[in-house]
């Protein structure tokens, strides 16, 4: 029983990370119908900036703040400089751009910080059954989700962002700066991705440290529904719990296969994800 409880707590902690990264994917997909394959690379650069700032100042939280700001700026710059020029053409163009950016940024990280692992500390004490770092992961992802919900539901900015995503022509006729709203969406998504990177990276960072996390985040987003932020959160927790049980009872080498099996099973039953609903959309 104790083993099951340990696996459950571990799954909740890792699931929070998958949920955060899945949420960042869903925000962008809702707005532009693009799966941002560059998201782990944007998060990676943010984490490396945090590492550099922390090493220079000796303060983890200054690095943490620097990572979030870096994610915000990188997301906005990616949409404005790389995605917008190909927006409105074939969706494949934007996907190829994000895949190319993924490879470029991982290569840049290796050249600037080297491909060798660097020690990267946890935000809080990581020892114990459910450590302070685990609580911080759950709390920070929950706080990010609540703030995002409040932004979309109760603020004029959130209303304009939703209008720009689902009815861009009508929004433009109403005076909404659709391009600016899309940029804001990318920036917010990248900020949440940077948070996920900061939670997933310890204890060591290297250019490919977030690759596996990204695979599980995509699985979480698809399981929950690429059009549903709430589904991304639930999907992340479900994937985290399932992979923790598989790792604990069957062996860690089967976790990737288990994620694929869950993905295939859900897509066979609910192709749009567990929480997606058909939505009329103007493009």
Protein backbone atom coordinates (compact mmCIF):
# COMPACT_ATOMS: atom_id res chain seq x y z
CA UNK A 1 0.00 0.00 0.00
CA UNK A 2 2.82 2.37 0.83
CA UNK A 3 4.36 1.70 -2.55
CA UNK A 4 1.09 2.57 -4.27
CA UNK A 5 0.81 5.82 -2.30
CA UNK A 6 4.39 6.75 -3.18
CA UNK A 7 3.70 6.10 -6.86
CA UNK A 8 0.50 8.14 -6.72
CA UNK A 9 2.23 11.13 -5.13
CA UNK A 10 5.09 10.89 -7.63
CA UNK A 11 2.59 10.70 -10.48
CA UNK A 12 0.78 13.81 -9.27
CA UNK A 13 4.04 15.76 -9.15
CA UNK A 14 5.21 14.71 -12.61
CA UNK A 15 1.68 15.01 -13.96
CA UNK A 16 1.63 18.67 -12.94
CA UNK A 17 4.66 19.27 -15.16
CA UNK A 18 3.10 17.45 -18.11
CA UNK A 19 -0.12 19.41 -17.54
CA UNK A 20 1.70 22.76 -17.63
CA UNK A 21 3.50 21.95 -20.87
CA UNK A 22 0.32 20.49 -22.37
CA UNK A 23 -1.54 23.66 -21.41
CA UNK A 24 1.03 25.76 -23.26
CA UNK A 25 0.49 23.62 -26.37
CA UNK A 26 -3.30 23.93 -26.15
CA UNK A 27 -3.22 27.74 -25.82
CA UNK A 28 -1.30 28.03 -29.09
CA UNK A 29 -3.32 25.35 -30.86
CA UNK A 30 -6.58 27.07 -29.94
CA UNK A 31 -5.37 30.35 -31.41
CA UNK A 32 -3.54 29.24 -34.55
CA UNK A 33 -4.22 25.52 -35.11
CA UNK A 34 -0.49 24.89 -34.87
CA UNK A 35 1.15 22.29 -32.63
CA UNK A 36 4.21 24.16 -31.38
CA UNK A 37 7.00 21.58 -31.59
CA UNK A 38 9.46 24.30 -30.58
CA UNK A 39 7.89 24.60 -27.11
CA UNK A 40 10.48 22.39 -25.34
CA UNK A 41 13.30 24.37 -26.97
CA UNK A 42 11.81 27.69 -25.85
CA UNK A 43 11.51 26.27 -22.35
CA UNK A 44 15.06 24.90 -22.59
CA UNK A 45 16.56 28.31 -23.39
CA UNK A 46 14.55 29.81 -20.53
CA UNK A 47 15.96 27.20 -18.14
CA UNK A 48 19.52 27.84 -19.33
CA UNK A 49 19.00 31.58 -18.77
CA UNK A 50 17.80 30.75 -15.26
CA UNK A 51 20.90 28.61 -14.73
CA UNK A 52 23.16 31.45 -15.89
CA UNK A 53 21.44 34.04 -13.69
CA UNK A 54 21.44 31.72 -10.67
CA UNK A 55 25.12 30.96 -11.11
CA UNK A 56 25.96 34.66 -11.43
CA UNK A 57 23.86 35.85 -8.48
CA UNK A 58 23.71 32.79 -6.25
CA UNK A 59 19.94 33.26 -6.02
CA UNK A 60 17.64 30.59 -7.45
CA UNK A 61 14.54 32.81 -7.45
CA UNK A 62 16.20 35.50 -9.54
CA UNK A 63 16.93 32.79 -12.08
CA UNK A 64 13.35 31.56 -11.81
CA UNK A 65 12.01 35.02 -12.59
CA UNK A 66 14.49 35.41 -15.44
CA UNK A 67 13.25 32.12 -16.94
CA UNK A 68 9.63 33.28 -16.93
CA UNK A 69 10.52 36.62 -18.52
CA UNK A 70 12.66 34.85 -21.13
CA UNK A 71 9.82 32.50 -21.97
CA UNK A 72 7.44 35.43 -22.37
CA UNK A 73 9.81 37.26 -24.73
CA UNK A 74 10.76 34.18 -26.74
CA UNK A 75 7.12 33.24 -27.28
CA UNK A 76 6.20 36.71 -28.50
CA UNK A 77 9.26 36.90 -30.76
CA UNK A 78 8.59 33.45 -32.24
CA UNK A 79 5.04 34.36 -33.22
CA UNK A 80 5.92 37.81 -34.53
CA UNK A 81 9.06 36.93 -36.48
CA UNK A 82 8.58 33.30 -37.55
CA UNK A 83 4.94 32.21 -37.35
CA UNK A 84 3.12 35.32 -38.56
CA UNK A 85 4.86 35.40 -41.98
CA UNK A 86 3.55 31.88 -42.72
CA UNK A 87 0.19 32.26 -40.96
CA UNK A 88 -2.79 31.75 -43.27
CA UNK A 89 -0.92 29.44 -45.59
CA UNK A 90 -0.67 25.68 -45.27
CA UNK A 91 -0.59 24.59 -41.57
CA UNK A 92 2.34 22.40 -42.52
CA UNK A 93 4.48 25.52 -43.05
CA UNK A 94 4.13 26.61 -39.43
CA UNK A 95 4.78 23.07 -38.17
CA UNK A 96 8.00 22.88 -40.22
CA UNK A 97 9.05 26.27 -38.83
CA UNK A 98 8.56 25.09 -35.25
CA UNK A 99 10.44 21.85 -35.91
CA UNK A 100 13.32 23.83 -37.43
CA UNK A 101 13.33 26.20 -34.46
CA UNK A 102 13.46 23.23 -32.10
CA UNK A 103 16.63 21.91 -33.76
CA UNK A 104 18.23 25.35 -34.00
CA UNK A 105 17.65 26.27 -30.35
CA UNK A 106 18.84 22.89 -29.09
CA UNK A 107 21.97 23.31 -31.20
CA UNK A 108 22.50 26.85 -29.88
CA UNK A 109 22.10 25.61 -26.30
CA UNK A 110 24.76 22.97 -26.91
CA UNK A 111 27.17 25.50 -28.42
CA UNK A 112 26.67 28.15 -25.73
CA UNK A 113 26.36 26.00 -22.61
CA UNK A 114 27.90 22.73 -23.96
CA UNK A 115 26.24 19.35 -24.26
CA UNK A 116 27.52 18.22 -20.86
CA UNK A 117 24.99 18.01 -18.00
CA UNK A 118 25.03 20.93 -15.57
CA UNK A 119 23.82 20.63 -12.01
CA UNK A 120 20.56 22.52 -11.54
CA UNK A 121 18.97 22.83 -8.13
CA UNK A 122 15.41 22.17 -7.11
CA UNK A 123 13.35 25.18 -5.99
CA UNK A 124 12.85 23.72 -2.50
CA UNK A 125 13.80 20.65 -0.50
CA UNK A 126 13.28 17.54 -2.65
CA UNK A 127 13.66 14.89 0.06
CA UNK A 128 10.78 12.94 1.54
CA UNK A 129 7.67 11.12 0.35
CA UNK A 130 6.03 14.26 -1.03
CA UNK A 131 8.65 16.96 -0.76
CA UNK A 132 8.36 20.73 -0.66
CA UNK A 133 9.45 20.77 -4.32
CA UNK A 134 6.57 18.46 -5.21
CA UNK A 135 4.12 20.73 -3.42
CA UNK A 136 5.63 23.70 -5.21
CA UNK A 137 5.15 21.99 -8.58
CA UNK A 138 1.49 21.26 -7.89
CA UNK A 139 0.84 24.69 -6.39
CA UNK A 140 2.56 26.68 -9.13
CA UNK A 141 0.80 24.81 -11.95
CA UNK A 142 -2.56 25.17 -10.17
CA UNK A 143 -1.92 28.89 -9.68
CA UNK A 144 -0.96 29.32 -13.35
CA UNK A 145 -4.13 27.52 -14.44
CA UNK A 146 -6.34 29.65 -12.17
CA UNK A 147 -4.71 32.87 -13.33
CA UNK A 148 -5.16 31.83 -16.94
CA UNK A 149 -8.82 31.01 -16.31
CA UNK A 150 -9.33 34.40 -14.65
CA UNK A 151 -7.58 36.14 -17.54
CA UNK A 152 -9.80 34.51 -20.17
CA UNK A 153 -13.03 34.73 -18.21
CA UNK A 154 -12.96 38.07 -16.40
CA UNK A 155 -10.67 40.50 -18.26
CA UNK A 156 -11.12 42.50 -21.47
CA UNK A 157 -7.76 41.20 -22.68
CA UNK A 158 -8.94 37.62 -22.29
CA UNK A 159 -12.16 38.38 -24.16
CA UNK A 160 -10.20 39.91 -27.03
CA UNK A 161 -7.80 36.95 -27.11
CA UNK A 162 -10.69 34.49 -27.33
CA UNK A 163 -12.36 36.54 -30.04
CA UNK A 164 -9.12 36.71 -32.03
CA UNK A 165 -8.68 32.94 -31.75
CA UNK A 166 -12.18 31.79 -32.68
CA UNK A 167 -13.62 34.64 -34.78
CA UNK A 168 -10.67 36.64 -36.12
CA UNK A 169 -12.57 38.43 -38.90
CA UNK A 170 -15.42 39.52 -36.63
CA UNK A 171 -12.90 40.54 -33.97
CA UNK A 172 -10.95 42.59 -36.49
CA UNK A 173 -14.12 44.38 -37.59
CA UNK A 174 -14.83 45.13 -33.93
CA UNK A 175 -11.50 46.87 -33.54
CA UNK A 176 -9.53 44.05 -31.94
CA UNK A 177 -5.87 43.92 -32.96
CA UNK A 178 -5.91 40.24 -33.86
CA UNK A 179 -2.19 39.99 -34.56
CA UNK A 180 -1.33 41.49 -31.17
CA UNK A 181 -3.71 39.09 -29.42
CA UNK A 182 -2.10 36.09 -31.14
CA UNK A 183 1.31 37.37 -30.07
CA UNK A 184 0.04 37.68 -26.50
CA UNK A 185 -1.25 34.11 -26.64
CA UNK A 186 2.12 32.79 -27.78
CA UNK A 187 3.87 34.81 -25.08
CA UNK A 188 1.62 33.48 -22.30
CA UNK A 189 1.93 29.92 -23.58
CA UNK A 190 5.71 30.17 -23.68
CA UNK A 191 5.75 31.59 -20.15
CA UNK A 192 3.80 28.57 -18.91
CA UNK A 193 6.17 26.34 -20.88
CA UNK A 194 9.12 28.01 -19.14
CA UNK A 195 7.47 27.24 -15.78
CA UNK A 196 7.14 23.60 -16.82
CA UNK A 197 10.80 23.57 -17.86
CA UNK A 198 11.91 24.94 -14.49
CA UNK A 199 9.93 22.21 -12.73
CA UNK A 200 11.09 19.38 -15.02
CA UNK A 201 14.78 20.20 -15.48
CA UNK A 202 16.34 19.41 -12.04
CA UNK A 203 18.68 17.91 -11.05
CA UNK A 204 20.65 18.22 -14.31
CA UNK A 205 20.14 20.25 -17.48
CA UNK A 206 21.42 19.44 -20.97
CA UNK A 207 20.09 20.22 -24.46
CA UNK A 208 17.73 17.22 -24.64
CA UNK A 209 16.53 17.25 -21.03
CA UNK A 210 12.93 18.18 -21.94
CA UNK A 211 12.44 15.85 -24.91
CA UNK A 212 10.74 13.05 -22.96
CA UNK A 213 8.65 15.56 -21.00
CA UNK A 214 7.45 17.04 -24.28
CA UNK A 215 6.40 13.64 -25.61
CA UNK A 216 4.30 13.03 -22.50
CA UNK A 217 2.91 16.59 -22.68
CA UNK A 218 1.74 16.03 -26.26
CA UNK A 219 0.10 12.79 -25.14
CA UNK A 220 -1.60 14.68 -22.29
CA UNK A 221 -2.83 17.44 -24.61
CA UNK A 222 -4.26 14.95 -27.13
CA UNK A 223 -5.83 12.79 -24.42
CA UNK A 224 -7.54 15.79 -22.84
CA UNK A 225 -8.35 17.48 -26.15
CA UNK A 226 -6.22 19.97 -28.05
CA UNK A 227 -9.07 22.49 -27.90
CA UNK A 228 -9.63 22.25 -24.16
CA UNK A 229 -7.28 23.81 -21.56
CA UNK A 230 -9.05 21.98 -18.74
CA UNK A 231 -8.61 18.74 -20.65
CA UNK A 232 -4.87 19.43 -20.93
CA UNK A 233 -4.62 19.74 -17.15
CA UNK A 234 -6.59 16.56 -16.51
CA UNK A 235 -4.72 14.74 -19.27
CA UNK A 236 -1.39 15.73 -17.74
CA UNK A 237 -2.36 14.36 -14.33
CA UNK A 238 -3.74 11.15 -15.87
CA UNK A 239 -0.59 10.59 -17.91
CA UNK A 240 1.57 11.32 -14.86
CA UNK A 241 -0.31 8.83 -12.69
CA UNK A 242 -0.44 6.09 -15.34
CA UNK A 243 3.26 6.39 -16.16
CA UNK A 244 4.16 6.38 -12.47
CA UNK A 245 2.23 3.14 -11.93
CA UNK A 246 3.75 1.54 -15.03
CA UNK A 247 7.25 2.58 -13.96
CA UNK A 248 6.75 1.31 -10.43
CA UNK A 249 5.09 -2.01 -11.21
CA UNK A 250 6.34 -2.94 -14.69
CA UNK A 251 9.62 -1.03 -15.07
CA UNK A 252 10.67 2.45 -16.23
CA UNK A 253 11.66 1.17 -19.67
CA UNK A 254 7.96 0.71 -20.49
CA UNK A 255 6.79 4.26 -19.72
CA UNK A 256 7.11 5.57 -23.28
CA UNK A 257 5.27 2.55 -24.63
CA UNK A 258 2.57 3.03 -22.01
CA UNK A 259 2.10 6.68 -23.03
CA UNK A 260 1.70 5.58 -26.66
CA UNK A 261 -0.77 2.87 -25.66
CA UNK A 262 -2.87 5.37 -23.69
CA UNK A 263 -2.81 7.76 -26.63
CA UNK A 264 -3.95 5.09 -29.10
CA UNK A 265 -6.68 3.88 -26.74
CA UNK A 266 -8.13 7.35 -26.18
CA UNK A 267 -7.96 8.26 -29.87
CA UNK A 268 -9.76 5.02 -30.73
CA UNK A 269 -12.64 5.87 -28.38
CA UNK A 270 -12.65 9.69 -28.52
CA UNK A 271 -10.64 10.96 -31.52
CA UNK A 272 -11.03 14.60 -30.39
CA UNK A 273 -9.90 13.86 -26.84
CA UNK A 274 -11.81 13.16 -23.66
CA UNK A 275 -12.98 16.73 -23.06
CA UNK A 276 -13.23 18.26 -26.52
CA UNK A 277 -16.50 19.47 -27.93
CA UNK A 278 -17.17 20.46 -31.54
CA UNK A 279 -16.82 24.23 -31.86
CA UNK A 280 -17.72 26.45 -34.79
CA UNK A 281 -14.65 28.30 -35.88
CA UNK A 282 -13.86 31.02 -38.43
CA UNK A 283 -10.52 30.92 -40.22
